[in-house]
Amino acid sequence: MKQLLALVACSALALFLVACGTAMVLAVSEVLSPSELWDVAGALWAGFWVTLALGAVPALLLGAPIYWWFWRRGRGGWVVAAGLGVLLGCLVGVIEPALLPWGVACGLVTALLARLASRWVLQ
């Protein structure tokens, strides 16, 4: 059970970093090509909070327990983490199909960062 909680913590940290990265990408995009939708602060806010909101359930409630199950059986590797991240990132397509590439990219990066962090925590 300690390992599962450690994986959830690693996933939360990874999701936070991905949300920060998404916010930065949107802010830079807004600076380079201003839109009428929002300003730079709005792009930062939207990128961060939307990524956290849409990624919390897949990363923390689904991804971490499923990866833990694979890890306990000796199958938790980079390929499993990447596949799980892509698969769970596809869930964004259920909400909005236009966000599918963003969801897959965020899911993949979150899963790989969580896997990287878990290598130190689970040993």
PDB file of N, CA and C in Angstrom:
ATOM      1  N   MET A   1       0.816  -1.194   0.000  1.00  0.00           N
ATOM      2  CA  MET A   1       0.000   0.000   0.000  1.00  0.00           C
ATOM      3  C   MET A   1       0.865   1.266   0.000  1.00  0.00           C
ATOM      4  N   LYS A   2       2.036   1.189   0.665  1.00  0.00           N
ATOM      5  CA  LYS A   2       2.947   2.331   0.663  1.00  0.00           C
ATOM      6  C   LYS A   2       3.417   2.647  -0.752  1.00  0.00           C
ATOM      7  N   GLN A   3       3.649   1.581  -1.534  1.00  0.00           N
ATOM      8  CA  GLN A   3       4.100   1.794  -2.907  1.00  0.00           C
ATOM      9  C   GLN A   3       3.023   2.481  -3.744  1.00  0.00           C
ATOM     10  N   LEU A   4       1.772   2.099  -3.527  1.00  0.00           N
ATOM     11  CA  LEU A   4       0.675   2.729  -4.269  1.00  0.00           C
ATOM     12  C   LEU A   4       0.584   4.215  -3.935  1.00  0.00           C
ATOM     13  N   LEU A   5       0.687   4.551  -2.667  1.00  0.00           N
ATOM     14  CA  LEU A   5       0.649   5.962  -2.278  1.00  0.00           C
ATOM     15  C   LEU A   5       1.846   6.720  -2.849  1.00  0.00           C
ATOM     16  N   ALA A   6       3.000   6.068  -2.900  1.00  0.00           N
ATOM     17  CA  ALA A   6       4.178   6.696  -3.493  1.00  0.00           C
ATOM     18  C   ALA A   6       3.961   6.936  -4.986  1.00  0.00           C
ATOM     19  N   LEU A   7       3.339   5.981  -5.666  1.00  0.00           N
ATOM     20  CA  LEU A   7       3.049   6.153  -7.091  1.00  0.00           C
ATOM     21  C   LEU A   7       2.042   7.273  -7.325  1.00  0.00           C
ATOM     22  N   VAL A   8       1.052   7.374  -6.468  1.00  0.00           N
ATOM     23  CA  VAL A   8       0.081   8.470  -6.591  1.00  0.00           C
ATOM     24  C   VAL A   8       0.791   9.809  -6.394  1.00  0.00           C
ATOM     25  N   ALA A   9       1.702   9.882  -5.431  1.00  0.00           N
ATOM     26  CA  ALA A   9       2.459  11.118  -5.206  1.00  0.00           C
ATOM     27  C   ALA A   9       3.338  11.447  -6.412  1.00  0.00           C
ATOM     28  N   CYS A  10       3.986  10.442  -6.984  1.00  0.00           N
ATOM     29  CA  CYS A  10       4.804  10.655  -8.186  1.00  0.00           C
ATOM     30  C   CYS A  10       3.942  11.126  -9.348  1.00  0.00           C
ATOM     31  N   SER A  11       2.762  10.544  -9.486  1.00  0.00           N
ATOM     32  CA  SER A  11       1.843  10.946 -10.553  1.00  0.00           C
ATOM     33  C   SER A  11       1.357  12.375 -10.345  1.00  0.00           C
ATOM     34  N   ALA A  12       1.090  12.739  -9.100  1.00  0.00           N
ATOM     35  CA  ALA A  12       0.647  14.106  -8.806  1.00  0.00           C
ATOM     36  C   ALA A  12       1.743  15.114  -9.146  1.00  0.00           C
ATOM     37  N   LEU A  13       2.971  14.798  -8.790  1.00  0.00           N
ATOM     38  CA  LEU A  13       4.089  15.675  -9.123  1.00  0.00           C
ATOM     39  C   LEU A  13       4.254  15.790 -10.637  1.00  0.00           C
ATOM     40  N   ALA A  14       4.176  14.666 -11.326  1.00  0.00           N
ATOM     41  CA  ALA A  14       4.312  14.670 -12.783  1.00  0.00           C
ATOM     42  C   ALA A  14       3.195  15.487 -13.431  1.00  0.00           C
ATOM     43  N   LEU A  15       1.973  15.318 -12.959  1.00  0.00           N
ATOM     44  CA  LEU A  15       0.848  16.079 -13.506  1.00  0.00           C
ATOM     45  C   LEU A  15       1.028  17.573 -13.250  1.00  0.00           C
ATOM     46  N   PHE A  16       1.520  17.932 -12.080  1.00  0.00           N
ATOM     47  CA  PHE A  16       1.788  19.338 -11.773  1.00  0.00           C
ATOM     48  C   PHE A  16       2.813  19.919 -12.750  1.00  0.00           C
ATOM     49  N   LEU A  17       3.888  19.174 -13.013  1.00  0.00           N
ATOM     50  CA  LEU A  17       4.917  19.648 -13.940  1.00  0.00           C
ATOM     51  C   LEU A  17       4.375  19.783 -15.357  1.00  0.00           C
ATOM     52  N   VAL A  18       3.549  18.831 -15.777  1.00  0.00           N
ATOM     53  CA  VAL A  18       2.950  18.903 -17.113  1.00  0.00           C
ATOM     54  C   VAL A  18       1.988  20.085 -17.196  1.00  0.00           C
ATOM     55  N   ALA A  19       1.237  20.339 -16.138  1.00  0.00           N
ATOM     56  CA  ALA A  19       0.327  21.490 -16.124  1.00  0.00           C
ATOM     57  C   ALA A  19       1.113  22.800 -16.218  1.00  0.00           C
ATOM     58  N   CYS A  20       2.239  22.875 -15.519  1.00  0.00           N
ATOM     59  CA  CYS A  20       3.095  24.064 -15.614  1.00  0.00           C
ATOM     60  C   CYS A  20       3.633  24.225 -17.034  1.00  0.00           C
ATOM     61  N   GLY A  21       4.055  23.128 -17.630  1.00  0.00           N
ATOM     62  CA  GLY A  21       4.552  23.166 -19.003  1.00  0.00           C
ATOM     63  C   GLY A  21       3.484  23.588 -19.994  1.00  0.00           C
ATOM     64  N   THR A  22       2.284  23.061 -19.836  1.00  0.00           N
ATOM     65  CA  THR A  22       1.177  23.445 -20.712  1.00  0.00           C
ATOM     66  C   THR A  22       0.869  24.928 -20.570  1.00  0.00           C
ATOM     67  N   ALA A  23       0.873  25.410 -19.340  1.00  0.00           N
ATOM     68  CA  ALA A  23       0.621  26.833 -19.103  1.00  0.00           C
ATOM     69  C   ALA A  23       1.676  27.691 -19.790  1.00  0.00           C
ATOM     70  N   MET A  24       2.921  27.274 -19.703  1.00  0.00           N
ATOM     71  CA  MET A  24       4.000  28.041 -20.337  1.00  0.00           C
ATOM     72  C   MET A  24       3.869  28.039 -21.859  1.00  0.00           C
ATOM     73  N   VAL A  25       3.543  26.888 -22.428  1.00  0.00           N
ATOM     74  CA  VAL A  25       3.376  26.797 -23.885  1.00  0.00           C
ATOM     75  C   VAL A  25       2.245  27.712 -24.345  1.00  0.00           C
ATOM     76  N   LEU A  26       1.124  27.689 -23.636  1.00  0.00           N
ATOM     77  CA  LEU A  26       0.006  28.560 -24.012  1.00  0.00           C
ATOM     78  C   LEU A  26       0.355  30.037 -23.841  1.00  0.00           C
ATOM     79  N   ALA A  27       1.092  30.369 -22.795  1.00  0.00           N
ATOM     80  CA  ALA A  27       1.483  31.766 -22.579  1.00  0.00           C
ATOM     81  C   ALA A  27       2.420  32.245 -23.685  1.00  0.00           C
ATOM     82  N   VAL A  28       3.392  31.426 -24.046  1.00  0.00           N
ATOM     83  CA  VAL A  28       4.307  31.794 -25.134  1.00  0.00           C
ATOM     84  C   VAL A  28       3.538  31.921 -26.444  1.00  0.00           C
ATOM     85  N   SER A  29       2.620  31.006 -26.675  1.00  0.00           N
ATOM     86  CA  SER A  29       1.787  31.076 -27.875  1.00  0.00           C
ATOM     87  C   SER A  29       0.973  32.366 -27.904  1.00  0.00           C
ATOM     88  N   GLU A  30       0.483  32.774 -26.761  1.00  0.00           N
ATOM     89  CA  GLU A  30      -0.298  34.018 -26.668  1.00  0.00           C
ATOM     90  C   GLU A  30       0.586  35.240 -26.912  1.00  0.00           C
ATOM     91  N   VAL A  31       1.817  35.208 -26.441  1.00  0.00           N
ATOM     92  CA  VAL A  31       2.738  36.325 -26.672  1.00  0.00           C
ATOM     93  C   VAL A  31       3.095  36.416 -28.154  1.00  0.00           C
ATOM     94  N   LEU A  32       3.364  35.274 -28.771  1.00  0.00           N
ATOM     95  CA  LEU A  32       3.773  35.262 -30.176  1.00  0.00           C
ATOM     96  C   LEU A  32       2.621  35.569 -31.124  1.00  0.00           C
ATOM     97  N   SER A  33       1.436  35.132 -30.764  1.00  0.00           N
ATOM     98  CA  SER A  33       0.271  35.337 -31.618  1.00  0.00           C
ATOM     99  C   SER A  33      -0.936  35.676 -30.743  1.00  0.00           C
ATOM    100  N   PRO A  34      -1.076  36.941 -30.358  1.00  0.00           N
ATOM    101  CA  PRO A  34      -2.167  37.328 -29.455  1.00  0.00           C
ATOM    102  C   PRO A  34      -3.545  36.992 -30.032  1.00  0.00           C
ATOM    103  N   SER A  35      -4.415  36.561 -29.153  1.00  0.00           N
ATOM    104  CA  SER A  35      -5.786  36.254 -29.560  1.00  0.00           C
ATOM    105  C   SER A  35      -6.748  37.149 -28.793  1.00  0.00           C
ATOM    106  N   GLU A  36      -7.979  37.155 -29.234  1.00  0.00           N
ATOM    107  CA  GLU A  36      -9.001  37.936 -28.537  1.00  0.00           C
ATOM    108  C   GLU A  36      -9.623  37.141 -27.402  1.00  0.00           C
ATOM    109  N   LEU A  37      -9.292  35.861 -27.329  1.00  0.00           N
ATOM    110  CA  LEU A  37      -9.900  34.988 -26.329  1.00  0.00           C
ATOM    111  C   LEU A  37      -9.426  35.324 -24.920  1.00  0.00           C
ATOM    112  N   TRP A  38      -8.105  35.544 -24.763  1.00  0.00           N
ATOM    113  CA  TRP A  38      -7.561  35.844 -23.445  1.00  0.00           C
ATOM    114  C   TRP A  38      -6.220  36.536 -23.579  1.00  0.00           C
ATOM    115  N   ASP A  39      -5.700  37.015 -22.467  1.00  0.00           N
ATOM    116  CA  ASP A  39      -4.374  37.615 -22.452  1.00  0.00           C
ATOM    117  C   ASP A  39      -3.378  36.571 -21.948  1.00  0.00           C
ATOM    118  N   VAL A  40      -2.142  36.977 -21.707  1.00  0.00           N
ATOM    119  CA  VAL A  40      -1.108  36.031 -21.275  1.00  0.00           C
ATOM    120  C   VAL A  40      -1.464  35.401 -19.934  1.00  0.00           C
ATOM    121  N   ALA A  41      -1.951  36.203 -18.996  1.00  0.00           N
ATOM    122  CA  ALA A  41      -2.331  35.660 -17.686  1.00  0.00           C
ATOM    123  C   ALA A  41      -3.476  34.659 -17.819  1.00  0.00           C
ATOM    124  N   GLY A  42      -4.423  34.948 -18.681  1.00  0.00           N
ATOM    125  CA  GLY A  42      -5.531  34.020 -18.912  1.00  0.00           C
ATOM    126  C   GLY A  42      -5.061  32.721 -19.537  1.00  0.00           C
ATOM    127  N   ALA A  43      -4.092  32.819 -20.446  1.00  0.00           N
ATOM    128  CA  ALA A  43      -3.538  31.614 -21.060  1.00  0.00           C
ATOM    129  C   ALA A  43      -2.805  30.767 -20.024  1.00  0.00           C
ATOM    130  N   LEU A  44      -2.041  31.421 -19.148  1.00  0.00           N
ATOM    131  CA  LEU A  44      -1.360  30.695 -18.070  1.00  0.00           C
ATOM    132  C   LEU A  44      -2.371  29.997 -17.167  1.00  0.00           C
ATOM    133  N   TRP A  45      -3.375  30.733 -16.751  1.00  0.00           N
ATOM    134  CA  TRP A  45      -4.393  30.201 -15.846  1.00  0.00           C
ATOM    135  C   TRP A  45      -5.127  29.032 -16.494  1.00  0.00           C
ATOM    136  N   ALA A  46      -5.593  29.222 -17.721  1.00  0.00           N
ATOM    137  CA  ALA A  46      -6.360  28.177 -18.402  1.00  0.00           C
ATOM    138  C   ALA A  46      -5.506  26.938 -18.645  1.00  0.00           C
ATOM    139  N   GLY A  47      -4.292  27.134 -19.121  1.00  0.00           N
ATOM    140  CA  GLY A  47      -3.429  25.984 -19.393  1.00  0.00           C
ATOM    141  C   GLY A  47      -3.153  25.156 -18.155  1.00  0.00           C
ATOM    142  N   PHE A  48      -2.881  25.827 -17.054  1.00  0.00           N
ATOM    143  CA  PHE A  48      -2.560  25.120 -15.819  1.00  0.00           C
ATOM    144  C   PHE A  48      -3.770  24.391 -15.255  1.00  0.00           C
ATOM    145  N   TRP A  49      -4.864  25.106 -15.050  1.00  0.00           N
ATOM    146  CA  TRP A  49      -6.019  24.520 -14.367  1.00  0.00           C
ATOM    147  C   TRP A  49      -6.775  23.515 -15.224  1.00  0.00           C
ATOM    148  N   VAL A  50      -6.846  23.746 -16.524  1.00  0.00           N
ATOM    149  CA  VAL A  50      -7.529  22.771 -17.386  1.00  0.00           C
ATOM    150  C   VAL A  50      -6.730  21.473 -17.439  1.00  0.00           C
ATOM    151  N   THR A  51      -5.412  21.579 -17.513  1.00  0.00           N
ATOM    152  CA  THR A  51      -4.589  20.369 -17.508  1.00  0.00           C
ATOM    153  C   THR A  51      -4.749  19.609 -16.199  1.00  0.00           C
ATOM    154  N   LEU A  52      -4.727  20.318 -15.091  1.00  0.00           N
ATOM    155  CA  LEU A  52      -4.931  19.646 -13.801  1.00  0.00           C
ATOM    156  C   LEU A  52      -6.314  19.018 -13.703  1.00  0.00           C
ATOM    157  N   ALA A  53      -7.333  19.753 -14.116  1.00  0.00           N
ATOM    158  CA  ALA A  53      -8.706  19.251 -13.989  1.00  0.00           C
ATOM    159  C   ALA A  53      -8.948  18.026 -14.865  1.00  0.00           C
ATOM    160  N   LEU A  54      -8.477  18.072 -16.101  1.00  0.00           N
ATOM    161  CA  LEU A  54      -8.716  16.950 -17.008  1.00  0.00           C
ATOM    162  C   LEU A  54      -7.757  15.785 -16.771  1.00  0.00           C
ATOM    163  N   GLY A  55      -6.635  16.037 -16.108  1.00  0.00           N
ATOM    164  CA  GLY A  55      -5.659  14.976 -15.896  1.00  0.00           C
ATOM    165  C   GLY A  55      -5.704  14.313 -14.540  1.00  0.00           C
ATOM    166  N   ALA A  56      -6.423  14.893 -13.601  1.00  0.00           N
ATOM    167  CA  ALA A  56      -6.404  14.368 -12.231  1.00  0.00           C
ATOM    168  C   ALA A  56      -6.970  12.957 -12.137  1.00  0.00           C
ATOM    169  N   VAL A  57      -8.141  12.737 -12.678  1.00  0.00           N
ATOM    170  CA  VAL A  57      -8.751  11.402 -12.578  1.00  0.00           C
ATOM    171  C   VAL A  57      -7.935  10.360 -13.338  1.00  0.00           C
ATOM    172  N   PRO A  58      -7.576  10.616 -14.616  1.00  0.00           N
ATOM    173  CA  PRO A  58      -6.787   9.587 -15.304  1.00  0.00           C
ATOM    174  C   PRO A  58      -5.435   9.311 -14.644  1.00  0.00           C
ATOM    175  N   ALA A  59      -4.741  10.344 -14.204  1.00  0.00           N
ATOM    176  CA  ALA A  59      -3.399  10.145 -13.647  1.00  0.00           C
ATOM    177  C   ALA A  59      -3.424   9.555 -12.246  1.00  0.00           C
ATOM    178  N   LEU A  60      -4.267  10.107 -11.387  1.00  0.00           N
ATOM    179  CA  LEU A  60      -4.214   9.734  -9.973  1.00  0.00           C
ATOM    180  C   LEU A  60      -5.122   8.561  -9.616  1.00  0.00           C
ATOM    181  N   LEU A  61      -6.303   8.519 -10.179  1.00  0.00           N
ATOM    182  CA  LEU A  61      -7.257   7.476  -9.800  1.00  0.00           C
ATOM    183  C   LEU A  61      -7.228   6.254 -10.710  1.00  0.00           C
ATOM    184  N   LEU A  62      -6.701   6.408 -11.917  1.00  0.00           N
ATOM    185  CA  LEU A  62      -6.626   5.268 -12.837  1.00  0.00           C
ATOM    186  C   LEU A  62      -5.180   4.856 -13.119  1.00  0.00           C
ATOM    187  N   GLY A  63      -4.369   5.814 -13.553  1.00  0.00           N
ATOM    188  CA  GLY A  63      -3.009   5.497 -13.976  1.00  0.00           C
ATOM    189  C   GLY A  63      -2.128   4.927 -12.884  1.00  0.00           C
ATOM    190  N   ALA A  64      -2.100   5.571 -11.734  1.00  0.00           N
ATOM    191  CA  ALA A  64      -1.238   5.098 -10.641  1.00  0.00           C
ATOM    192  C   ALA A  64      -1.632   3.702 -10.156  1.00  0.00           C
ATOM    193  N   PRO A  65      -2.914   3.424  -9.894  1.00  0.00           N
ATOM    194  CA  PRO A  65      -3.262   2.063  -9.452  1.00  0.00           C
ATOM    195  C   PRO A  65      -3.014   0.988 -10.514  1.00  0.00           C
ATOM    196  N   ILE A  66      -3.291   1.314 -11.776  1.00  0.00           N
ATOM    197  CA  ILE A  66      -3.063   0.321 -12.836  1.00  0.00           C
ATOM    198  C   ILE A  66      -1.570   0.049 -12.987  1.00  0.00           C
ATOM    199  N   TYR A  67      -0.761   1.119 -12.991  1.00  0.00           N
ATOM    200  CA  TYR A  67       0.683   0.918 -13.097  1.00  0.00           C
ATOM    201  C   TYR A  67       1.205   0.151 -11.889  1.00  0.00           C
ATOM    202  N   TRP A  68       0.692   0.431 -10.702  1.00  0.00           N
ATOM    203  CA  TRP A  68       1.098  -0.283  -9.491  1.00  0.00           C
ATOM    204  C   TRP A  68       0.812  -1.773  -9.638  1.00  0.00           C
ATOM    205  N   TRP A  69      -0.346  -2.108 -10.211  1.00  0.00           N
ATOM    206  CA  TRP A  69      -0.706  -3.504 -10.437  1.00  0.00           C
ATOM    207  C   TRP A  69       0.329  -4.182 -11.344  1.00  0.00           C
ATOM    208  N   PHE A  70       0.705  -3.505 -12.430  1.00  0.00           N
ATOM    209  CA  PHE A  70       1.736  -4.051 -13.321  1.00  0.00           C
ATOM    210  C   PHE A  70       3.078  -4.152 -12.592  1.00  0.00           C
ATOM    211  N   TRP A  71       3.429  -3.131 -11.829  1.00  0.00           N
ATOM    212  CA  TRP A  71       4.709  -3.106 -11.125  1.00  0.00           C
ATOM    213  C   TRP A  71       4.806  -4.255 -10.127  1.00  0.00           C
ATOM    214  N   ARG A  72       3.722  -4.532  -9.415  1.00  0.00           N
ATOM    215  CA  ARG A  72       3.716  -5.623  -8.427  1.00  0.00           C
ATOM    216  C   ARG A  72       3.929  -6.982  -9.084  1.00  0.00           C
ATOM    217  N   ARG A  73       3.577  -7.108 -10.333  1.00  0.00           N
ATOM    218  CA  ARG A  73       3.741  -8.354 -11.067  1.00  0.00           C
ATOM    219  C   ARG A  73       5.034  -8.387 -11.881  1.00  0.00           C
ATOM    220  N   GLY A  74       5.893  -7.390 -11.665  1.00  0.00           N
ATOM    221  CA  GLY A  74       7.180  -7.358 -12.343  1.00  0.00           C
ATOM    222  C   GLY A  74       7.112  -6.896 -13.787  1.00  0.00           C
ATOM    223  N   ARG A  75       6.036  -6.240 -14.173  1.00  0.00           N
ATOM    224  CA  ARG A  75       5.846  -5.807 -15.561  1.00  0.00           C
ATOM    225  C   ARG A  75       5.842  -4.288 -15.719  1.00  0.00           C
ATOM    226  N   GLY A  76       6.112  -3.555 -14.651  1.00  0.00           N
ATOM    227  CA  GLY A  76       6.038  -2.093 -14.714  1.00  0.00           C
ATOM    228  C   GLY A  76       7.293  -1.490 -15.297  1.00  0.00           C
ATOM    229  N   GLY A  77       7.307  -1.271 -16.588  1.00  0.00           N
ATOM    230  CA  GLY A  77       8.465  -0.684 -17.249  1.00  0.00           C
ATOM    231  C   GLY A  77       8.078   0.567 -18.028  1.00  0.00           C
ATOM    232  N   TRP A  78       9.031   1.035 -18.828  1.00  0.00           N
ATOM    233  CA  TRP A  78       8.806   2.248 -19.609  1.00  0.00           C
ATOM    234  C   TRP A  78       7.709   2.063 -20.645  1.00  0.00           C
ATOM    235  N   VAL A  79       7.678   0.906 -21.285  1.00  0.00           N
ATOM    236  CA  VAL A  79       6.676   0.663 -22.331  1.00  0.00           C
ATOM    237  C   VAL A  79       5.273   0.628 -21.733  1.00  0.00           C
ATOM    238  N   VAL A  80       5.131  -0.027 -20.597  1.00  0.00           N
ATOM    239  CA  VAL A  80       3.826  -0.075 -19.924  1.00  0.00           C
ATOM    240  C   VAL A  80       3.405   1.331 -19.508  1.00  0.00           C
ATOM    241  N   ALA A  81       4.324   2.094 -18.951  1.00  0.00           N
ATOM    242  CA  ALA A  81       3.999   3.464 -18.536  1.00  0.00           C
ATOM    243  C   ALA A  81       3.588   4.309 -19.739  1.00  0.00           C
ATOM    244  N   ALA A  82       4.344   4.208 -20.832  1.00  0.00           N
ATOM    245  CA  ALA A  82       4.019   4.991 -22.028  1.00  0.00           C
ATOM    246  C   ALA A  82       2.662   4.586 -22.599  1.00  0.00           C
ATOM    247  N   GLY A  83       2.427   3.297 -22.702  1.00  0.00           N
ATOM    248  CA  GLY A  83       1.143   2.828 -23.222  1.00  0.00           C
ATOM    249  C   GLY A  83      -0.022   3.263 -22.358  1.00  0.00           C
ATOM    250  N   LEU A  84       0.168   3.179 -21.068  1.00  0.00           N
ATOM    251  CA  LEU A  84      -0.875   3.596 -20.132  1.00  0.00           C
ATOM    252  C   LEU A  84      -1.131   5.101 -20.241  1.00  0.00           C
ATOM    253  N   GLY A  85      -0.069   5.878 -20.371  1.00  0.00           N
ATOM    254  CA  GLY A  85      -0.227   7.326 -20.515  1.00  0.00           C
ATOM    255  C   GLY A  85      -0.975   7.705 -21.778  1.00  0.00           C
ATOM    256  N   VAL A  86      -0.640   7.053 -22.883  1.00  0.00           N
ATOM    257  CA  VAL A  86      -1.329   7.329 -24.146  1.00  0.00           C
ATOM    258  C   VAL A  86      -2.790   6.904 -24.062  1.00  0.00           C
ATOM    259  N   LEU A  87      -3.027   5.719 -23.531  1.00  0.00           N
ATOM    260  CA  LEU A  87      -4.396   5.210 -23.419  1.00  0.00           C
ATOM    261  C   LEU A  87      -5.261   6.114 -22.541  1.00  0.00           C
ATOM    262  N   LEU A  88      -4.744   6.493 -21.387  1.00  0.00           N
ATOM    263  CA  LEU A  88      -5.517   7.357 -20.498  1.00  0.00           C
ATOM    264  C   LEU A  88      -5.619   8.782 -21.040  1.00  0.00           C
ATOM    265  N   GLY A  89      -4.625   9.213 -21.801  1.00  0.00           N
ATOM    266  CA  GLY A  89      -4.708  10.521 -22.451  1.00  0.00           C
ATOM    267  C   GLY A  89      -5.814  10.581 -23.488  1.00  0.00           C
ATOM    268  N   CYS A  90      -6.140   9.431 -24.059  1.00  0.00           N
ATOM    269  CA  CYS A  90      -7.228   9.364 -25.042  1.00  0.00           C
ATOM    270  C   CYS A  90      -8.590   9.644 -24.416  1.00  0.00           C
ATOM    271  N   LEU A  91      -8.695   9.542 -23.107  1.00  0.00           N
ATOM    272  CA  LEU A  91      -9.972   9.827 -22.446  1.00  0.00           C
ATOM    273  C   LEU A  91     -10.416  11.270 -22.658  1.00  0.00           C
ATOM    274  N   VAL A  92      -9.473  12.166 -22.911  1.00  0.00           N
ATOM    275  CA  VAL A  92      -9.827  13.560 -23.182  1.00  0.00           C
ATOM    276  C   VAL A  92     -10.668  13.642 -24.452  1.00  0.00           C
ATOM    277  N   GLY A  93     -10.422  12.735 -25.389  1.00  0.00           N
ATOM    278  CA  GLY A  93     -11.196  12.711 -26.626  1.00  0.00           C
ATOM    279  C   GLY A  93     -12.670  12.445 -26.407  1.00  0.00           C
ATOM    280  N   VAL A  94     -13.011  11.816 -25.304  1.00  0.00           N
ATOM    281  CA  VAL A  94     -14.422  11.592 -24.981  1.00  0.00           C
ATOM    282  C   VAL A  94     -15.093  12.926 -24.645  1.00  0.00           C
ATOM    283  N   ILE A  95     -14.367  13.792 -23.963  1.00  0.00           N
ATOM    284  CA  ILE A  95     -14.903  15.101 -23.577  1.00  0.00           C
ATOM    285  C   ILE A  95     -14.927  16.047 -24.776  1.00  0.00           C
ATOM    286  N   GLU A  96     -13.802  16.122 -25.481  1.00  0.00           N
ATOM    287  CA  GLU A  96     -13.695  17.008 -26.642  1.00  0.00           C
ATOM    288  C   GLU A  96     -12.718  16.391 -27.640  1.00  0.00           C
ATOM    289  N   PRO A  97     -13.216  15.871 -28.764  1.00  0.00           N
ATOM    290  CA  PRO A  97     -12.337  15.207 -29.737  1.00  0.00           C
ATOM    291  C   PRO A  97     -11.200  16.090 -30.255  1.00  0.00           C
ATOM    292  N   ALA A  98     -11.399  17.389 -30.318  1.00  0.00           N
ATOM    293  CA  ALA A  98     -10.348  18.280 -30.814  1.00  0.00           C
ATOM    294  C   ALA A  98      -9.145  18.329 -29.875  1.00  0.00           C
ATOM    295  N   LEU A  99      -9.335  17.962 -28.613  1.00  0.00           N
ATOM    296  CA  LEU A  99      -8.244  17.985 -27.635  1.00  0.00           C
ATOM    297  C   LEU A  99      -7.487  16.660 -27.553  1.00  0.00           C
ATOM    298  N   LEU A 100      -7.829  15.710 -28.399  1.00  0.00           N
ATOM    299  CA  LEU A 100      -7.205  14.385 -28.335  1.00  0.00           C
ATOM    300  C   LEU A 100      -5.678  14.431 -28.448  1.00  0.00           C
ATOM    301  N   PRO A 101      -5.087  15.135 -29.423  1.00  0.00           N
ATOM    302  CA  PRO A 101      -3.611  15.165 -29.475  1.00  0.00           C
ATOM    303  C   PRO A 101      -2.984  15.752 -28.212  1.00  0.00           C
ATOM    304  N   TRP A 102      -3.594  16.806 -27.672  1.00  0.00           N
ATOM    305  CA  TRP A 102      -3.101  17.407 -26.432  1.00  0.00           C
ATOM    306  C   TRP A 102      -3.207  16.418 -25.276  1.00  0.00           C
ATOM    307  N   GLY A 103      -4.328  15.711 -25.194  1.00  0.00           N
ATOM    308  CA  GLY A 103      -4.526  14.730 -24.124  1.00  0.00           C
ATOM    309  C   GLY A 103      -3.523  13.596 -24.197  1.00  0.00           C
ATOM    310  N   VAL A 104      -3.274  13.112 -25.411  1.00  0.00           N
ATOM    311  CA  VAL A 104      -2.310  12.019 -25.584  1.00  0.00           C
ATOM    312  C   VAL A 104      -0.904  12.488 -25.211  1.00  0.00           C
ATOM    313  N   ALA A 105      -0.528  13.679 -25.667  1.00  0.00           N
ATOM    314  CA  ALA A 105       0.810  14.198 -25.344  1.00  0.00           C
ATOM    315  C   ALA A 105       0.975  14.408 -23.839  1.00  0.00           C
ATOM    316  N   CYS A 106      -0.015  15.021 -23.214  1.00  0.00           N
ATOM    317  CA  CYS A 106       0.063  15.249 -21.763  1.00  0.00           C
ATOM    318  C   CYS A 106       0.055  13.934 -20.998  1.00  0.00           C
ATOM    319  N   GLY A 107      -0.763  12.985 -21.431  1.00  0.00           N
ATOM    320  CA  GLY A 107      -0.803  11.683 -20.771  1.00  0.00           C
ATOM    321  C   GLY A 107       0.522  10.954 -20.872  1.00  0.00           C
ATOM    322  N   LEU A 108       1.127  11.003 -22.054  1.00  0.00           N
ATOM    323  CA  LEU A 108       2.413  10.336 -22.260  1.00  0.00           C
ATOM    324  C   LEU A 108       3.502  10.966 -21.394  1.00  0.00           C
ATOM    325  N   VAL A 109       3.605  12.277 -21.415  1.00  0.00           N
ATOM    326  CA  VAL A 109       4.650  12.955 -20.636  1.00  0.00           C
ATOM    327  C   VAL A 109       4.423  12.756 -19.138  1.00  0.00           C
ATOM    328  N   THR A 110       3.168  12.841 -18.704  1.00  0.00           N
ATOM    329  CA  THR A 110       2.864  12.627 -17.283  1.00  0.00           C
ATOM    330  C   THR A 110       3.259  11.223 -16.852  1.00  0.00           C
ATOM    331  N   ALA A 111       2.909  10.230 -17.651  1.00  0.00           N
ATOM    332  CA  ALA A 111       3.227   8.841 -17.301  1.00  0.00           C
ATOM    333  C   ALA A 111       4.735   8.605 -17.264  1.00  0.00           C
ATOM    334  N   LEU A 112       5.456   9.158 -18.226  1.00  0.00           N
ATOM    335  CA  LEU A 112       6.907   8.946 -18.250  1.00  0.00           C
ATOM    336  C   LEU A 112       7.606   9.685 -17.105  1.00  0.00           C
ATOM    337  N   LEU A 113       7.135  10.886 -16.778  1.00  0.00           N
ATOM    338  CA  LEU A 113       7.706  11.591 -15.620  1.00  0.00           C
ATOM    339  C   LEU A 113       7.396  10.858 -14.319  1.00  0.00           C
ATOM    340  N   ALA A 114       6.183  10.331 -14.209  1.00  0.00           N
ATOM    341  CA  ALA A 114       5.823   9.565 -13.008  1.00  0.00           C
ATOM    342  C   ALA A 114       6.675   8.306 -12.910  1.00  0.00           C
ATOM    343  N   ARG A 115       6.922   7.660 -14.028  1.00  0.00           N
ATOM    344  CA  ARG A 115       7.774   6.460 -14.048  1.00  0.00           C
ATOM    345  C   ARG A 115       9.198   6.817 -13.628  1.00  0.00           C
ATOM    346  N   LEU A 116       9.696   7.932 -14.139  1.00  0.00           N
ATOM    347  CA  LEU A 116      11.041   8.375 -13.776  1.00  0.00           C
ATOM    348  C   LEU A 116      11.138   8.645 -12.276  1.00  0.00           C
ATOM    349  N   ALA A 117      10.162   9.352 -11.730  1.00  0.00           N
ATOM    350  CA  ALA A 117      10.167   9.647 -10.293  1.00  0.00           C
ATOM    351  C   ALA A 117      10.008   8.377  -9.467  1.00  0.00           C
ATOM    352  N   SER A 118       9.184   7.456  -9.941  1.00  0.00           N
ATOM    353  CA  SER A 118       8.933   6.236  -9.165  1.00  0.00           C
ATOM    354  C   SER A 118      10.152   5.320  -9.113  1.00  0.00           C
ATOM    355  N   ARG A 119      11.068   5.462 -10.048  1.00  0.00           N
ATOM    356  CA  ARG A 119      12.282   4.635 -10.014  1.00  0.00           C
ATOM    357  C   ARG A 119      13.071   4.877  -8.737  1.00  0.00           C
ATOM    358  N   TRP A 120      13.083   6.114  -8.253  1.00  0.00           N
ATOM    359  CA  TRP A 120      13.808   6.420  -7.016  1.00  0.00           C
ATOM    360  C   TRP A 120      12.970   6.105  -5.789  1.00  0.00           C
ATOM    361  N   VAL A 121      11.681   6.311  -5.895  1.00  0.00           N
ATOM    362  CA  VAL A 121      10.802   6.132  -4.736  1.00  0.00           C
ATOM    363  C   VAL A 121      10.573   4.658  -4.427  1.00  0.00           C
ATOM    364  N   LEU A 122      10.436   3.834  -5.434  1.00  0.00           N
ATOM    365  CA  LEU A 122      10.063   2.433  -5.232  1.00  0.00           C
ATOM    366  C   LEU A 122      11.251   1.510  -4.995  1.00  0.00           C
ATOM    367  N   GLN A 123      12.455   2.038  -4.958  1.00  0.00           N
ATOM    368  CA  GLN A 123      13.605   1.156  -4.738  1.00  0.00           C
ATOM    369  C   GLN A 123      14.009   1.099  -3.299  1.00  0.00           C
TER     370      GLN A 123
END
